Amino acid sequence: MVEWINNNWIEITGAILAFVYLVLEIKQKWTLWIAGIISSGFYVYIFFDAKLYAETGMNIYYVIMSVYGLYCWKFSRKKEESGADFHHIKMKTVIPLTIFTVVCLGILSFILFRFTDSPAAFPDALIATFSITATWMVAKKIIECWYLWIFVNSFAVGLYFYQGLYSTAVLFIFYAVLSVVGLKEWRKSTIKK
């Protein structure tokens, strides 16, 4: 066991930090973005090493979005006094966001099939694309982001076990369950208004 921990300390550390990120996200704490920057940095290395290139790119995106999310949640002047500016998605956002997600999925799948040695090109692209969309929704405090997270986190468990990323697979089991909790908690914040 000690040898496994020594050989996998980067993944274990990344998984712990990612778990902290999720807990802070559910609790609607702006410090989630700091945990996101650090954990995503670990996962850039972890996924590149596992040849999950879309998820490598996704974690680079996460670092960038974590900086953006930190700005939106902590420093944006539009912030309400109570900080409870979580809201449901508007229909005018659904259509362009869906089109963006489908187009990105198609492009990313093509690139991974054609130009990489990824052993799981489509699942890798699917997880990355939906996660990119969901992360943007988190930064914008859109409650329906949790529906995407429930799907993505559940789907990712199988891929990570397949790739031998056991700590990450266990993390995503927790992510899937806690995504349901996150949805309930974020919904409560709209009722308080």
C-alpha atoms as a PDB file:
ATOM      1  CA  MET A   1       0.000   0.000   0.000  1.00  0.00           C
ATOM      2  CA  VAL A   2       2.798   2.421   0.924  1.00  0.00           C
ATOM      3  CA  GLU A   3       4.527   1.683  -2.372  1.00  0.00           C
ATOM      4  CA  TRP A   4       1.302   2.367  -4.305  1.00  0.00           C
ATOM      5  CA  ILE A   5       0.872   5.679  -2.475  1.00  0.00           C
ATOM      6  CA  ASN A   6       4.493   6.617  -3.221  1.00  0.00           C
ATOM      7  CA  ASN A   7       4.032   5.752  -6.898  1.00  0.00           C
ATOM      8  CA  ASN A   8       0.721   7.621  -7.174  1.00  0.00           C
ATOM      9  CA  TRP A   9       1.159  10.617  -4.879  1.00  0.00           C
ATOM     10  CA  ILE A  10       0.574  13.122  -7.690  1.00  0.00           C
ATOM     11  CA  GLU A  11      -2.791  11.586  -8.570  1.00  0.00           C
ATOM     12  CA  ILE A  12      -3.776  11.219  -4.908  1.00  0.00           C
ATOM     13  CA  THR A  13      -2.887  14.870  -4.195  1.00  0.00           C
ATOM     14  CA  GLY A  14      -4.762  16.029  -7.296  1.00  0.00           C
ATOM     15  CA  ALA A  15      -7.802  13.969  -6.282  1.00  0.00           C
ATOM     16  CA  ILE A  16      -7.820  15.383  -2.740  1.00  0.00           C
ATOM     17  CA  LEU A  17      -7.542  18.964  -4.017  1.00  0.00           C
ATOM     18  CA  ALA A  18     -10.284  18.326  -6.584  1.00  0.00           C
ATOM     19  CA  PHE A  19     -12.505  16.972  -3.810  1.00  0.00           C
ATOM     20  CA  VAL A  20     -11.867  20.134  -1.775  1.00  0.00           C
ATOM     21  CA  TYR A  21     -12.846  22.144  -4.877  1.00  0.00           C
ATOM     22  CA  LEU A  22     -16.185  20.321  -5.114  1.00  0.00           C
ATOM     23  CA  VAL A  23     -16.995  20.777  -1.433  1.00  0.00           C
ATOM     24  CA  LEU A  24     -16.259  24.504  -1.716  1.00  0.00           C
ATOM     25  CA  GLU A  25     -18.380  24.674  -4.888  1.00  0.00           C
ATOM     26  CA  ILE A  26     -21.348  23.088  -3.149  1.00  0.00           C
ATOM     27  CA  LYS A  27     -20.944  25.523  -0.242  1.00  0.00           C
ATOM     28  CA  GLN A  28     -20.773  28.412  -2.748  1.00  0.00           C
ATOM     29  CA  LYS A  29     -17.399  29.638  -1.464  1.00  0.00           C
ATOM     30  CA  TRP A  30     -15.250  31.749  -3.768  1.00  0.00           C
ATOM     31  CA  THR A  31     -12.132  29.878  -2.572  1.00  0.00           C
ATOM     32  CA  LEU A  32     -13.234  26.981  -4.770  1.00  0.00           C
ATOM     33  CA  TRP A  33     -11.451  28.732  -7.635  1.00  0.00           C
ATOM     34  CA  ILE A  34      -8.095  28.681  -5.822  1.00  0.00           C
ATOM     35  CA  ALA A  35      -8.464  24.944  -5.204  1.00  0.00           C
ATOM     36  CA  GLY A  36      -9.465  24.647  -8.878  1.00  0.00           C
ATOM     37  CA  ILE A  37      -6.290  26.309 -10.108  1.00  0.00           C
ATOM     38  CA  ILE A  38      -4.049  24.033  -8.038  1.00  0.00           C
ATOM     39  CA  SER A  39      -5.917  20.750  -8.621  1.00  0.00           C
ATOM     40  CA  SER A  40      -6.213  21.433 -12.345  1.00  0.00           C
ATOM     41  CA  GLY A  41      -2.463  21.969 -12.507  1.00  0.00           C
ATOM     42  CA  PHE A  42      -1.948  18.490 -11.068  1.00  0.00           C
ATOM     43  CA  TYR A  43      -4.460  17.001 -13.493  1.00  0.00           C
ATOM     44  CA  VAL A  44      -2.771  18.528 -16.539  1.00  0.00           C
ATOM     45  CA  TYR A  45       0.163  16.256 -15.754  1.00  0.00           C
ATOM     46  CA  ILE A  46      -1.957  13.246 -14.697  1.00  0.00           C
ATOM     47  CA  PHE A  47      -4.137  13.175 -17.826  1.00  0.00           C
ATOM     48  CA  PHE A  48      -1.260  13.873 -20.211  1.00  0.00           C
ATOM     49  CA  ASP A  49       0.606  10.947 -18.702  1.00  0.00           C
ATOM     50  CA  ALA A  50      -2.523   8.767 -19.176  1.00  0.00           C
ATOM     51  CA  LYS A  51      -2.797   9.910 -22.837  1.00  0.00           C
ATOM     52  CA  LEU A  52      -6.181  11.516 -22.204  1.00  0.00           C
ATOM     53  CA  TYR A  53      -5.344  14.559 -24.273  1.00  0.00           C
ATOM     54  CA  ALA A  54      -8.766  16.197 -24.330  1.00  0.00           C
ATOM     55  CA  GLU A  55      -8.856  16.087 -20.568  1.00  0.00           C
ATOM     56  CA  THR A  56      -5.323  17.484 -20.459  1.00  0.00           C
ATOM     57  CA  GLY A  57      -6.544  20.428 -22.518  1.00  0.00           C
ATOM     58  CA  MET A  58      -9.685  20.622 -20.415  1.00  0.00           C
ATOM     59  CA  ASN A  59      -7.587  21.050 -17.270  1.00  0.00           C
ATOM     60  CA  ILE A  60      -5.581  23.821 -18.908  1.00  0.00           C
ATOM     61  CA  TYR A  61      -8.972  25.395 -19.620  1.00  0.00           C
ATOM     62  CA  TYR A  62      -9.930  24.788 -15.958  1.00  0.00           C
ATOM     63  CA  VAL A  63      -6.911  26.779 -14.796  1.00  0.00           C
ATOM     64  CA  ILE A  64      -7.955  29.671 -17.046  1.00  0.00           C
ATOM     65  CA  MET A  65     -11.635  29.391 -16.052  1.00  0.00           C
ATOM     66  CA  SER A  66     -10.659  29.229 -12.386  1.00  0.00           C
ATOM     67  CA  VAL A  67      -8.961  32.606 -12.743  1.00  0.00           C
ATOM     68  CA  TYR A  68     -12.081  33.907 -14.544  1.00  0.00           C
ATOM     69  CA  GLY A  69     -14.380  32.322 -11.943  1.00  0.00           C
ATOM     70  CA  LEU A  70     -12.344  33.858  -9.137  1.00  0.00           C
ATOM     71  CA  TYR A  71     -12.805  37.256 -10.763  1.00  0.00           C
ATOM     72  CA  CYS A  72     -16.567  36.714 -11.277  1.00  0.00           C
ATOM     73  CA  TRP A  73     -17.220  35.414  -7.780  1.00  0.00           C
ATOM     74  CA  LYS A  74     -14.876  37.569  -5.725  1.00  0.00           C
ATOM     75  CA  PHE A  75     -14.088  40.770  -7.596  1.00  0.00           C
ATOM     76  CA  SER A  76     -16.969  41.468  -9.974  1.00  0.00           C
ATOM     77  CA  ARG A  77     -18.810  44.698  -9.105  1.00  0.00           C
ATOM     78  CA  LYS A  78     -22.178  43.210 -10.132  1.00  0.00           C
ATOM     79  CA  LYS A  79     -22.142  40.962  -7.081  1.00  0.00           C
ATOM     80  CA  GLU A  80     -25.265  41.303  -4.939  1.00  0.00           C
ATOM     81  CA  GLU A  81     -24.961  42.189  -1.262  1.00  0.00           C
ATOM     82  CA  SER A  82     -25.969  38.704  -0.168  1.00  0.00           C
ATOM     83  CA  GLY A  83     -23.823  36.991  -2.795  1.00  0.00           C
ATOM     84  CA  ALA A  84     -26.875  34.872  -3.668  1.00  0.00           C
ATOM     85  CA  ASP A  85     -26.920  35.623  -7.377  1.00  0.00           C
ATOM     86  CA  PHE A  86     -27.293  31.994  -8.412  1.00  0.00           C
ATOM     87  CA  HIS A  87     -29.940  31.587 -11.084  1.00  0.00           C
ATOM     88  CA  HIS A  88     -31.597  29.254 -13.568  1.00  0.00           C
ATOM     89  CA  ILE A  89     -30.434  29.201 -17.174  1.00  0.00           C
ATOM     90  CA  LYS A  90     -32.272  31.485 -19.574  1.00  0.00           C
ATOM     91  CA  MET A  91     -33.694  29.990 -22.770  1.00  0.00           C
ATOM     92  CA  LYS A  92     -31.692  32.468 -24.849  1.00  0.00           C
ATOM     93  CA  THR A  93     -28.543  30.830 -23.411  1.00  0.00           C
ATOM     94  CA  VAL A  94     -29.612  27.198 -23.883  1.00  0.00           C
ATOM     95  CA  ILE A  95     -29.539  27.141 -27.697  1.00  0.00           C
ATOM     96  CA  PRO A  96     -26.117  28.752 -28.281  1.00  0.00           C
ATOM     97  CA  LEU A  97     -24.614  26.749 -25.408  1.00  0.00           C
ATOM     98  CA  THR A  98     -25.984  23.507 -26.843  1.00  0.00           C
ATOM     99  CA  ILE A  99     -24.690  24.353 -30.323  1.00  0.00           C
ATOM    100  CA  PHE A 100     -21.271  25.258 -28.884  1.00  0.00           C
ATOM    101  CA  THR A 101     -21.123  21.969 -26.949  1.00  0.00           C
ATOM    102  CA  VAL A 102     -22.122  19.788 -29.915  1.00  0.00           C
ATOM    103  CA  VAL A 103     -19.704  21.530 -32.300  1.00  0.00           C
ATOM    104  CA  CYS A 104     -16.851  21.269 -29.788  1.00  0.00           C
ATOM    105  CA  LEU A 105     -17.612  17.584 -29.220  1.00  0.00           C
ATOM    106  CA  GLY A 106     -17.459  16.926 -32.949  1.00  0.00           C
ATOM    107  CA  ILE A 107     -14.229  18.848 -33.471  1.00  0.00           C
ATOM    108  CA  LEU A 108     -12.512  17.398 -30.429  1.00  0.00           C
ATOM    109  CA  SER A 109     -13.567  13.835 -31.280  1.00  0.00           C
ATOM    110  CA  PHE A 110     -12.210  14.248 -34.822  1.00  0.00           C
ATOM    111  CA  ILE A 111      -8.888  15.612 -33.555  1.00  0.00           C
ATOM    112  CA  LEU A 112      -8.456  12.843 -31.004  1.00  0.00           C
ATOM    113  CA  PHE A 113      -9.341  10.054 -33.461  1.00  0.00           C
ATOM    114  CA  ARG A 114      -7.218  11.472 -36.261  1.00  0.00           C
ATOM    115  CA  PHE A 115      -4.158  12.937 -34.578  1.00  0.00           C
ATOM    116  CA  THR A 116      -3.554  11.186 -31.241  1.00  0.00           C
ATOM    117  CA  ASP A 117      -2.945   7.757 -29.811  1.00  0.00           C
ATOM    118  CA  SER A 118      -5.745   8.186 -27.280  1.00  0.00           C
ATOM    119  CA  PRO A 119      -7.168   4.782 -26.306  1.00  0.00           C
ATOM    120  CA  ALA A 120     -10.565   6.330 -25.538  1.00  0.00           C
ATOM    121  CA  ALA A 121     -10.970   9.220 -27.966  1.00  0.00           C
ATOM    122  CA  PHE A 122     -14.758   9.691 -27.889  1.00  0.00           C
ATOM    123  CA  PRO A 123     -15.266   9.248 -24.124  1.00  0.00           C
ATOM    124  CA  ASP A 124     -12.315  11.583 -23.539  1.00  0.00           C
ATOM    125  CA  ALA A 125     -13.834  14.190 -25.871  1.00  0.00           C
ATOM    126  CA  LEU A 126     -17.307  13.811 -24.346  1.00  0.00           C
ATOM    127  CA  ILE A 127     -16.105  14.307 -20.787  1.00  0.00           C
ATOM    128  CA  ALA A 128     -13.902  17.246 -21.753  1.00  0.00           C
ATOM    129  CA  THR A 129     -16.563  19.020 -23.821  1.00  0.00           C
ATOM    130  CA  PHE A 130     -19.380  18.685 -21.298  1.00  0.00           C
ATOM    131  CA  SER A 131     -17.003  19.694 -18.497  1.00  0.00           C
ATOM    132  CA  ILE A 132     -15.958  22.816 -20.387  1.00  0.00           C
ATOM    133  CA  THR A 133     -19.598  23.811 -20.744  1.00  0.00           C
ATOM    134  CA  ALA A 134     -20.426  22.990 -17.125  1.00  0.00           C
ATOM    135  CA  THR A 135     -17.425  24.952 -15.818  1.00  0.00           C
ATOM    136  CA  TRP A 136     -18.508  28.043 -17.729  1.00  0.00           C
ATOM    137  CA  MET A 137     -21.969  27.604 -16.206  1.00  0.00           C
ATOM    138  CA  VAL A 138     -20.435  27.388 -12.713  1.00  0.00           C
ATOM    139  CA  ALA A 139     -18.549  30.658 -13.297  1.00  0.00           C
ATOM    140  CA  LYS A 140     -21.864  32.243 -14.306  1.00  0.00           C
ATOM    141  CA  LYS A 141     -23.638  30.668 -11.285  1.00  0.00           C
ATOM    142  CA  ILE A 142     -26.162  28.797 -13.451  1.00  0.00           C
ATOM    143  CA  ILE A 143     -27.847  26.123 -11.343  1.00  0.00           C
ATOM    144  CA  GLU A 144     -28.349  23.676 -14.226  1.00  0.00           C
ATOM    145  CA  CYS A 145     -24.581  23.147 -14.398  1.00  0.00           C
ATOM    146  CA  TRP A 146     -25.183  20.383 -11.872  1.00  0.00           C
ATOM    147  CA  TYR A 147     -27.185  18.291 -14.355  1.00  0.00           C
ATOM    148  CA  LEU A 148     -24.148  18.252 -16.630  1.00  0.00           C
ATOM    149  CA  TRP A 149     -21.867  17.448 -13.698  1.00  0.00           C
ATOM    150  CA  ILE A 150     -24.068  14.526 -12.613  1.00  0.00           C
ATOM    151  CA  PHE A 151     -23.830  13.048 -16.124  1.00  0.00           C
ATOM    152  CA  VAL A 152     -20.127  13.794 -16.698  1.00  0.00           C
ATOM    153  CA  ASN A 153     -18.976  12.600 -13.287  1.00  0.00           C
ATOM    154  CA  SER A 154     -20.934   9.342 -13.566  1.00  0.00           C
ATOM    155  CA  PHE A 155     -19.665   8.688 -17.091  1.00  0.00           C
ATOM    156  CA  ALA A 156     -16.063   9.512 -16.147  1.00  0.00           C
ATOM    157  CA  VAL A 157     -15.889   6.832 -13.450  1.00  0.00           C
ATOM    158  CA  GLY A 158     -15.810   4.064 -16.053  1.00  0.00           C
ATOM    159  CA  LEU A 159     -13.172   5.754 -18.200  1.00  0.00           C
ATOM    160  CA  TYR A 160     -10.858   6.401 -15.276  1.00  0.00           C
ATOM    161  CA  PHE A 161     -11.092   2.807 -14.032  1.00  0.00           C
ATOM    162  CA  TYR A 162     -10.396   1.656 -17.604  1.00  0.00           C
ATOM    163  CA  GLN A 163      -7.294   3.886 -17.724  1.00  0.00           C
ATOM    164  CA  GLY A 164      -6.059   2.643 -14.332  1.00  0.00           C
ATOM    165  CA  LEU A 165      -6.605   6.025 -12.668  1.00  0.00           C
ATOM    166  CA  TYR A 166      -8.110   4.466  -9.579  1.00  0.00           C
ATOM    167  CA  SER A 167      -7.816   7.425  -7.187  1.00  0.00           C
ATOM    168  CA  THR A 168      -9.450   9.626  -9.802  1.00  0.00           C
ATOM    169  CA  ALA A 169     -12.198   7.054 -10.444  1.00  0.00           C
ATOM    170  CA  VAL A 170     -13.005   6.948  -6.719  1.00  0.00           C
ATOM    171  CA  LEU A 171     -12.958  10.748  -6.630  1.00  0.00           C
ATOM    172  CA  PHE A 172     -15.499  10.842  -9.457  1.00  0.00           C
ATOM    173  CA  ILE A 173     -17.793   8.408  -7.657  1.00  0.00           C
ATOM    174  CA  PHE A 174     -17.897  11.000  -4.862  1.00  0.00           C
ATOM    175  CA  TYR A 175     -18.249  13.759  -7.458  1.00  0.00           C
ATOM    176  CA  ALA A 176     -21.302  12.062  -8.972  1.00  0.00           C
ATOM    177  CA  VAL A 177     -23.006  11.698  -5.595  1.00  0.00           C
ATOM    178  CA  LEU A 178     -22.038  15.178  -4.425  1.00  0.00           C
ATOM    179  CA  SER A 179     -23.255  16.692  -7.689  1.00  0.00           C
ATOM    180  CA  VAL A 180     -26.772  15.754  -6.616  1.00  0.00           C
ATOM    181  CA  VAL A 181     -26.098  17.496  -3.291  1.00  0.00           C
ATOM    182  CA  GLY A 182     -24.727  20.520  -5.154  1.00  0.00           C
ATOM    183  CA  LEU A 183     -27.876  20.759  -7.259  1.00  0.00           C
ATOM    184  CA  LYS A 184     -30.058  20.731  -4.136  1.00  0.00           C
ATOM    185  CA  GLU A 185     -27.907  23.333  -2.349  1.00  0.00           C
ATOM    186  CA  TRP A 186     -27.768  25.715  -5.305  1.00  0.00           C
ATOM    187  CA  ARG A 187     -31.530  25.413  -5.776  1.00  0.00           C
ATOM    188  CA  LYS A 188     -32.021  26.470  -2.147  1.00  0.00           C
ATOM    189  CA  SER A 189     -30.096  29.680  -2.821  1.00  0.00           C
ATOM    190  CA  THR A 190     -32.698  30.788  -5.405  1.00  0.00           C
ATOM    191  CA  ILE A 191     -35.538  30.148  -2.956  1.00  0.00           C
ATOM    192  CA  LYS A 192     -33.934  32.468  -0.352  1.00  0.00           C
ATOM    193  CA  LYS A 193     -34.281  35.491  -2.649  1.00  0.00           C
END
